[in-house]
Amino acid sequence: MPTDTADLQTPTRTAAAQLPQVHAQRNPGMPLDLDWVMSAQANTSAIERRAATLPGRRTVKKAYQAAWLLKAITLIDLTTLAGDDTAGRVRRLCAKAKAPVRQDLLDALGMGPITTGAVCVYHDMVATAVAALQGSGIPVAAVSTGFPAGLSPFHLRVAEIGESVAAGAREIDIVISRRHVLTGNWQALYEEMQAFRAACGEAHVKAILATGELGSLRNVARASLVCMMAGADFIKTSTGKEAVNATLPVSLVMIRALRDFHDRTGYRIGYKPAGGISKAKDALTYLTLIKDELGDRWLQPDLFRFGASSLLGDLERQLEHHVTGRYSAGYRHPAG
């Protein structure tokens, strides 16, 4: 992990700086450029070699590591997407989002209050989450458009977005139709994404590609570009429900598409890896990748999020080890 980040060297940032305020100019979208889309390629062996170097790199230590762990917490979309979700569970999750690290640990680190980046729930729980987070500045994200498969009737998928926005969701995580990618119907994917973006209005839209079901890294690159051209504010790897979710090779492909889009258009698009990221060391590896490939500006909540439910517990556990020198049991750091 690089250690030359001026704003991450010591854990002394203020609470206001941690809130997910949007600073980047919003992506308005652009006409579909099929020449650009079809020129996107992916050298799988080279991508896999590059990705394989990341976990083995020397990481930051001591206060620097604590600062990066705290940074990771502010970038989490704290998520519950279970069939047995209840209002009580969601309220507990929101309480954890507002105070994700025990106060005694923050005091020991000389750190003021921090929050997670957002809370992510199904539509039925949006109103509960909005009420629980009132006044905190933490946005509610709703999964939508027939999540996770995206196979409900199109008009219902669009209507679902509108219902979640009306209920107070400020971010909408949509799922694309994988068949458009697998059949190379880029025009259909573009038009679908445009319709979802329009339905979101002022709410920001995260396009879930379900990369584990797209067949190839080249398809991932092309789908990323099409969604950004259609106005996506974020591109996201997975629903967390696929057999294969976020991976480093997929992430490398997607963030290089982000870099290419920014170089050509001037607009910064956010990135959200989701599914399977549950350990602090994995979070630090992803932050390394983002810093190396995109730079410090992408290490802010308006441009990077982790989609996670159990990651927070391990991050807090590692912070306790930093403060006390002892590892505590995982059950002492529940998500809610």
Protein backbone atom coordinates (compact mmCIF):
# COMPACT_ATOMS: atom_id res chain seq x y z
CA MET A 1 0.00 0.00 0.00
CA PRO A 2 1.47 3.41 -0.90
CA THR A 3 2.20 5.65 2.06
CA ASP A 4 2.38 9.08 0.40
CA THR A 5 -1.25 10.11 0.87
CA ALA A 6 -1.21 13.46 2.63
CA ASP A 7 -4.83 13.35 3.73
CA LEU A 8 -4.64 9.80 5.09
CA GLN A 9 -1.45 9.82 7.11
CA THR A 10 -3.05 10.17 10.54
CA PRO A 11 -6.61 9.51 11.72
CA THR A 12 -7.55 13.11 12.57
CA ARG A 13 -10.17 14.08 9.97
CA THR A 14 -13.39 15.81 11.01
CA ALA A 15 -16.85 14.32 10.90
CA ALA A 16 -18.02 16.77 8.23
CA ALA A 17 -15.26 15.61 5.89
CA GLN A 18 -16.48 12.03 6.20
CA LEU A 19 -20.04 12.59 5.06
CA PRO A 20 -20.83 11.53 1.49
CA GLN A 21 -21.15 15.01 -0.01
CA VAL A 22 -21.12 14.96 -3.82
CA HIS A 23 -18.44 17.21 -5.29
CA ALA A 24 -17.92 15.84 -8.79
CA GLN A 25 -20.01 17.30 -11.60
CA ARG A 26 -22.72 14.81 -12.47
CA ASN A 27 -22.39 12.75 -15.63
CA PRO A 28 -25.04 13.96 -18.13
CA GLY A 29 -24.47 11.04 -20.47
CA MET A 30 -23.61 11.22 -24.15
CA PRO A 31 -24.72 9.67 -27.45
CA LEU A 32 -23.89 5.99 -27.82
CA ASP A 33 -20.50 5.72 -29.53
CA LEU A 34 -20.38 2.18 -30.89
CA ASP A 35 -16.93 2.67 -32.40
CA TRP A 36 -15.58 3.40 -28.94
CA VAL A 37 -17.52 0.52 -27.40
CA MET A 38 -16.39 -2.04 -29.96
CA SER A 39 -12.77 -0.90 -29.70
CA ALA A 40 -12.72 -1.86 -26.00
CA GLN A 41 -10.69 -5.03 -25.49
CA ALA A 42 -9.37 -6.94 -22.48
CA ASN A 43 -6.06 -8.81 -22.36
CA THR A 44 -7.12 -11.41 -19.81
CA SER A 45 -3.67 -12.84 -19.05
CA ALA A 46 -2.14 -9.38 -18.55
CA ILE A 47 -5.07 -8.26 -16.39
CA GLU A 48 -4.82 -11.35 -14.21
CA ARG A 49 -1.05 -10.91 -13.80
CA ARG A 50 -1.50 -7.28 -12.73
CA ALA A 51 -4.29 -8.17 -10.32
CA ALA A 52 -2.24 -11.00 -8.80
CA THR A 53 0.48 -8.54 -7.73
CA LEU A 54 -1.86 -6.51 -5.51
CA PRO A 55 -2.57 -8.73 -2.46
CA GLY A 56 1.11 -9.55 -1.97
CA ARG A 57 2.34 -5.97 -1.84
CA ARG A 58 3.69 -4.57 1.44
CA THR A 59 0.86 -2.82 3.23
CA VAL A 60 0.84 0.23 5.47
CA LYS A 61 1.45 -0.22 9.18
CA LYS A 62 0.59 1.35 12.53
CA ALA A 63 -1.08 4.79 12.40
CA TYR A 64 -1.07 4.78 8.61
CA GLN A 65 -2.98 1.51 8.55
CA ALA A 66 -5.48 2.82 11.10
CA ALA A 67 -6.09 5.84 8.88
CA TRP A 68 -6.75 3.63 5.86
CA LEU A 69 -9.08 1.40 7.87
CA LEU A 70 -11.07 4.44 8.98
CA LYS A 71 -11.17 5.66 5.38
CA ALA A 72 -12.55 2.29 4.27
CA ILE A 73 -15.38 2.57 6.82
CA THR A 74 -16.48 5.91 5.37
CA LEU A 75 -16.72 4.25 1.94
CA ILE A 76 -19.08 1.41 2.89
CA ASP A 77 -22.65 1.09 1.64
CA LEU A 78 -23.78 -0.79 4.74
CA THR A 79 -26.19 -3.33 3.34
CA THR A 80 -28.95 -5.70 4.33
CA LEU A 81 -30.70 -7.53 1.50
CA ALA A 82 -32.17 -10.57 3.19
CA GLY A 83 -35.59 -12.07 2.80
CA ASP A 84 -36.09 -11.92 6.56
CA ASP A 85 -35.25 -8.21 6.94
CA THR A 86 -37.41 -6.44 9.50
CA ALA A 87 -37.87 -2.80 10.44
CA GLY A 88 -35.98 -3.48 13.67
CA ARG A 89 -32.99 -4.93 11.83
CA VAL A 90 -32.88 -1.95 9.48
CA ARG A 91 -33.05 0.53 12.36
CA ARG A 92 -30.16 -1.27 14.07
CA LEU A 93 -28.18 -1.16 10.83
CA CYS A 94 -28.83 2.58 10.53
CA ALA A 95 -27.69 3.13 14.10
CA LYS A 96 -24.47 1.30 13.23
CA ALA A 97 -24.05 3.42 10.08
CA LYS A 98 -24.23 6.57 12.21
CA ALA A 99 -21.71 5.23 14.74
CA PRO A 100 -19.74 2.50 12.95
CA VAL A 101 -16.80 2.49 15.38
CA ARG A 102 -16.99 2.31 19.19
CA GLN A 103 -16.42 5.67 20.82
CA ASP A 104 -13.57 4.42 23.01
CA LEU A 105 -11.65 3.38 19.91
CA LEU A 106 -12.24 6.73 18.21
CA ASP A 107 -11.10 8.51 21.36
CA ALA A 108 -7.93 6.45 21.51
CA LEU A 109 -7.24 7.31 17.87
CA GLY A 110 -7.89 11.01 18.41
CA MET A 111 -10.69 10.78 15.85
CA GLY A 112 -13.99 12.61 15.71
CA PRO A 113 -17.26 10.99 14.64
CA ILE A 114 -17.41 9.21 11.28
CA THR A 115 -20.21 7.51 9.36
CA THR A 116 -20.51 4.93 6.63
CA GLY A 117 -21.11 6.14 3.08
CA ALA A 118 -24.74 4.99 2.83
CA VAL A 119 -27.24 2.35 3.92
CA CYS A 120 -28.50 0.04 1.19
CA VAL A 121 -31.85 -1.79 1.48
CA TYR A 122 -34.76 -3.20 -0.51
CA HIS A 123 -37.55 -0.79 -1.45
CA ASP A 124 -39.85 -1.96 1.34
CA MET A 125 -37.31 -0.78 3.91
CA VAL A 126 -36.50 2.62 2.36
CA ALA A 127 -38.96 4.62 4.47
CA THR A 128 -37.76 2.93 7.66
CA ALA A 129 -34.12 3.69 6.81
CA VAL A 130 -34.87 7.29 5.82
CA ALA A 131 -36.60 7.90 9.15
CA ALA A 132 -33.81 6.25 11.13
CA LEU A 133 -31.12 8.31 9.34
CA GLN A 134 -32.92 11.65 9.47
CA GLY A 135 -30.49 14.46 10.20
CA SER A 136 -27.40 12.28 9.83
CA GLY A 137 -26.53 13.21 6.25
CA ILE A 138 -26.24 9.52 5.36
CA PRO A 139 -28.10 8.70 2.14
CA VAL A 140 -30.33 5.69 1.67
CA ALA A 141 -29.64 3.54 -1.38
CA ALA A 142 -32.33 1.23 -2.71
CA VAL A 143 -31.75 -1.79 -4.92
CA SER A 144 -34.22 -1.69 -7.77
CA THR A 145 -35.33 -2.82 -11.25
CA GLY A 146 -36.17 -6.38 -10.28
CA PHE A 147 -33.02 -6.91 -8.21
CA PRO A 148 -31.14 -9.23 -8.43
CA ALA A 149 -32.08 -10.86 -11.76
CA GLY A 150 -33.64 -7.83 -13.48
CA LEU A 151 -36.20 -9.98 -15.27
CA SER A 152 -39.48 -8.38 -14.18
CA PRO A 153 -41.53 -6.45 -16.78
CA PHE A 154 -39.71 -3.32 -17.93
CA HIS A 155 -42.46 -0.87 -16.94
CA LEU A 156 -42.47 -2.33 -13.43
CA ARG A 157 -38.70 -1.95 -13.16
CA VAL A 158 -38.96 1.72 -14.09
CA ALA A 159 -41.90 2.23 -11.73
CA GLU A 160 -39.96 0.61 -8.88
CA ILE A 161 -37.28 3.28 -9.23
CA GLY A 162 -39.90 6.00 -8.96
CA GLU A 163 -41.41 4.44 -5.86
CA SER A 164 -38.05 4.28 -4.09
CA VAL A 165 -37.18 7.87 -5.00
CA ALA A 166 -40.58 9.02 -3.72
CA ALA A 167 -39.93 7.15 -0.47
CA GLY A 168 -36.71 9.12 0.06
CA ALA A 169 -33.94 7.06 -1.53
CA ARG A 170 -31.14 9.33 -2.75
CA GLU A 171 -29.30 6.56 -4.57
CA ILE A 172 -30.70 3.75 -6.72
CA ASP A 173 -28.74 0.56 -7.46
CA ILE A 174 -30.22 -0.81 -10.69
CA VAL A 175 -29.48 -4.12 -12.41
CA ILE A 176 -28.96 -4.27 -16.15
CA SER A 177 -30.40 -6.92 -18.45
CA ARG A 178 -27.48 -9.31 -18.88
CA ARG A 179 -28.93 -10.66 -22.11
CA HIS A 180 -28.23 -7.33 -23.87
CA VAL A 181 -24.53 -7.77 -23.11
CA LEU A 182 -24.40 -11.47 -23.92
CA THR A 183 -26.05 -10.89 -27.31
CA GLY A 184 -24.11 -7.71 -28.06
CA ASN A 185 -27.23 -5.56 -28.21
CA TRP A 186 -25.51 -2.39 -27.03
CA GLN A 187 -28.26 -0.10 -28.29
CA ALA A 188 -30.81 -1.90 -26.11
CA LEU A 189 -28.53 -1.69 -23.06
CA TYR A 190 -27.97 2.02 -23.70
CA GLU A 191 -31.69 2.76 -24.01
CA GLU A 192 -32.48 0.71 -20.89
CA MET A 193 -29.86 2.56 -18.87
CA GLN A 194 -31.11 5.91 -20.17
CA ALA A 195 -34.64 5.08 -19.02
CA PHE A 196 -33.41 4.06 -15.57
CA ARG A 197 -31.35 7.25 -15.26
CA ALA A 198 -34.35 9.38 -16.25
CA ALA A 199 -36.57 7.64 -13.69
CA CYS A 200 -34.02 8.37 -10.95
CA GLY A 201 -34.28 12.13 -11.42
CA GLU A 202 -32.02 13.79 -8.84
CA ALA A 203 -31.20 10.47 -7.18
CA HIS A 204 -27.87 9.06 -8.27
CA VAL A 205 -27.89 5.77 -10.13
CA LYS A 206 -25.46 2.88 -9.70
CA ALA A 207 -25.47 0.43 -12.61
CA ILE A 208 -24.95 -3.15 -11.40
CA LEU A 209 -23.33 -5.11 -14.23
CA ALA A 210 -23.47 -8.56 -12.55
CA THR A 211 -20.01 -9.15 -13.97
CA GLY A 212 -19.97 -12.82 -12.99
CA GLU A 213 -22.71 -13.42 -15.54
CA LEU A 214 -21.32 -11.40 -18.49
CA GLY A 215 -19.12 -14.12 -19.98
CA SER A 216 -15.84 -12.25 -20.51
CA LEU A 217 -13.75 -9.33 -19.34
CA ARG A 218 -14.22 -7.72 -22.75
CA ASN A 219 -17.96 -7.72 -22.18
CA VAL A 220 -17.37 -6.13 -18.78
CA ALA A 221 -15.36 -3.33 -20.40
CA ARG A 222 -17.97 -2.69 -23.08
CA ALA A 223 -20.93 -2.81 -20.71
CA SER A 224 -19.13 -0.36 -18.41
CA LEU A 225 -18.69 2.12 -21.25
CA VAL A 226 -22.28 1.82 -22.47
CA CYS A 227 -23.71 2.42 -18.99
CA MET A 228 -21.51 5.48 -18.52
CA MET A 229 -22.50 6.84 -21.93
CA ALA A 230 -26.15 6.45 -20.88
CA GLY A 231 -25.64 8.53 -17.73
CA ALA A 232 -24.67 6.15 -14.91
CA ASP A 233 -23.25 7.92 -11.84
CA PHE A 234 -21.57 4.70 -10.62
CA ILE A 235 -20.78 1.34 -12.13
CA LYS A 236 -20.99 -1.59 -9.72
CA THR A 237 -19.67 -5.13 -10.08
CA SER A 238 -22.35 -7.34 -8.64
CA THR A 239 -25.58 -7.82 -6.77
CA GLY A 240 -23.82 -10.07 -4.27
CA LYS A 241 -26.20 -12.85 -5.30
CA GLU A 242 -24.22 -14.25 -8.24
CA ALA A 243 -21.90 -17.24 -8.00
CA VAL A 244 -18.93 -14.91 -8.73
CA ASN A 245 -19.03 -11.35 -7.44
CA ALA A 246 -16.33 -8.66 -7.11
CA THR A 247 -12.85 -9.76 -8.18
CA LEU A 248 -9.63 -7.83 -8.71
CA PRO A 249 -9.41 -8.60 -12.48
CA VAL A 250 -12.98 -7.38 -13.03
CA SER A 251 -12.25 -4.32 -10.92
CA LEU A 252 -9.15 -3.51 -12.95
CA VAL A 253 -11.16 -3.66 -16.18
CA MET A 254 -13.94 -1.47 -14.81
CA ILE A 255 -11.73 1.20 -13.29
CA ARG A 256 -9.68 1.47 -16.47
CA ALA A 257 -12.96 2.05 -18.30
CA LEU A 258 -13.67 4.78 -15.73
CA ARG A 259 -10.28 6.34 -16.41
CA ASP A 260 -10.80 6.18 -20.17
CA PHE A 261 -14.24 7.79 -19.84
CA HIS A 262 -12.84 10.58 -17.67
CA ASP A 263 -9.94 11.20 -20.06
CA ARG A 264 -12.32 11.53 -23.01
CA THR A 265 -15.25 13.36 -21.45
CA GLY A 266 -13.95 15.06 -18.30
CA TYR A 267 -16.60 13.36 -16.12
CA ARG A 268 -15.67 11.22 -13.13
CA ILE A 269 -17.86 8.14 -12.61
CA GLY A 270 -17.96 6.26 -9.33
CA TYR A 271 -17.04 2.62 -8.72
CA LYS A 272 -18.60 0.12 -6.32
CA PRO A 273 -17.23 -3.41 -5.86
CA ALA A 274 -19.80 -5.58 -4.10
CA GLY A 275 -20.07 -9.16 -2.93
CA GLY A 276 -17.44 -11.18 -1.12
CA ILE A 277 -15.44 -8.29 0.34
CA SER A 278 -15.55 -9.13 4.04
CA LYS A 279 -11.99 -8.72 5.36
CA ALA A 280 -10.04 -5.57 6.17
CA LYS A 281 -7.04 -6.79 4.17
CA ASP A 282 -9.26 -7.15 1.09
CA ALA A 283 -10.58 -3.61 1.55
CA LEU A 284 -7.02 -2.27 1.73
CA THR A 285 -6.15 -4.13 -1.48
CA TYR A 286 -9.06 -2.49 -3.29
CA LEU A 287 -8.07 0.93 -1.98
CA THR A 288 -4.53 0.30 -3.24
CA LEU A 289 -5.90 -0.52 -6.68
CA ILE A 290 -8.03 2.63 -6.78
CA LYS A 291 -5.16 4.86 -5.64
CA ASP A 292 -2.73 3.34 -8.12
CA GLU A 293 -5.07 3.42 -11.12
CA LEU A 294 -7.28 6.47 -10.51
CA GLY A 295 -5.63 8.57 -7.81
CA ASP A 296 -6.70 10.07 -4.50
CA ARG A 297 -9.78 11.87 -5.86
CA TRP A 298 -11.56 8.53 -6.29
CA LEU A 299 -11.00 7.68 -2.62
CA GLN A 300 -14.01 9.73 -1.57
CA PRO A 301 -17.59 8.55 -0.94
CA ASP A 302 -18.99 10.33 -4.00
CA LEU A 303 -16.74 8.21 -6.25
CA PHE A 304 -16.06 4.95 -4.41
CA ARG A 305 -18.12 2.62 -2.24
CA PHE A 306 -17.84 -0.91 -0.92
CA GLY A 307 -21.08 -2.89 -1.11
CA ALA A 308 -20.77 -4.89 2.09
CA SER A 309 -22.58 -6.28 5.10
CA SER A 310 -19.85 -7.99 7.15
CA LEU A 311 -16.79 -5.93 6.18
CA LEU A 312 -17.43 -3.29 8.84
CA GLY A 313 -17.06 -5.80 11.68
CA ASP A 314 -13.59 -6.83 10.60
CA LEU A 315 -12.48 -3.23 10.04
CA GLU A 316 -13.57 -2.34 13.59
CA ARG A 317 -11.88 -5.47 14.91
CA GLN A 318 -8.59 -4.46 13.27
CA LEU A 319 -8.88 -0.96 14.72
CA GLU A 320 -9.32 -2.48 18.18
CA HIS A 321 -6.18 -4.51 17.64
CA HIS A 322 -4.32 -1.35 16.65
CA VAL A 323 -5.44 0.39 19.86
CA THR A 324 -5.13 -2.48 22.34
CA GLY A 325 -2.69 -4.91 20.74
CA ARG A 326 -5.26 -7.69 21.12
CA TYR A 327 -7.72 -9.27 18.70
CA SER A 328 -11.29 -9.48 19.91
CA ALA A 329 -13.90 -12.02 18.87
CA GLY A 330 -15.86 -11.13 15.76
CA TYR A 331 -19.18 -11.29 17.58
CA ARG A 332 -18.14 -8.25 19.64
CA HIS A 333 -18.47 -6.11 16.47
CA PRO A 334 -21.97 -6.76 15.13
CA ALA A 335 -23.22 -4.84 12.11
CA GLY A 336 -26.46 -3.92 13.81
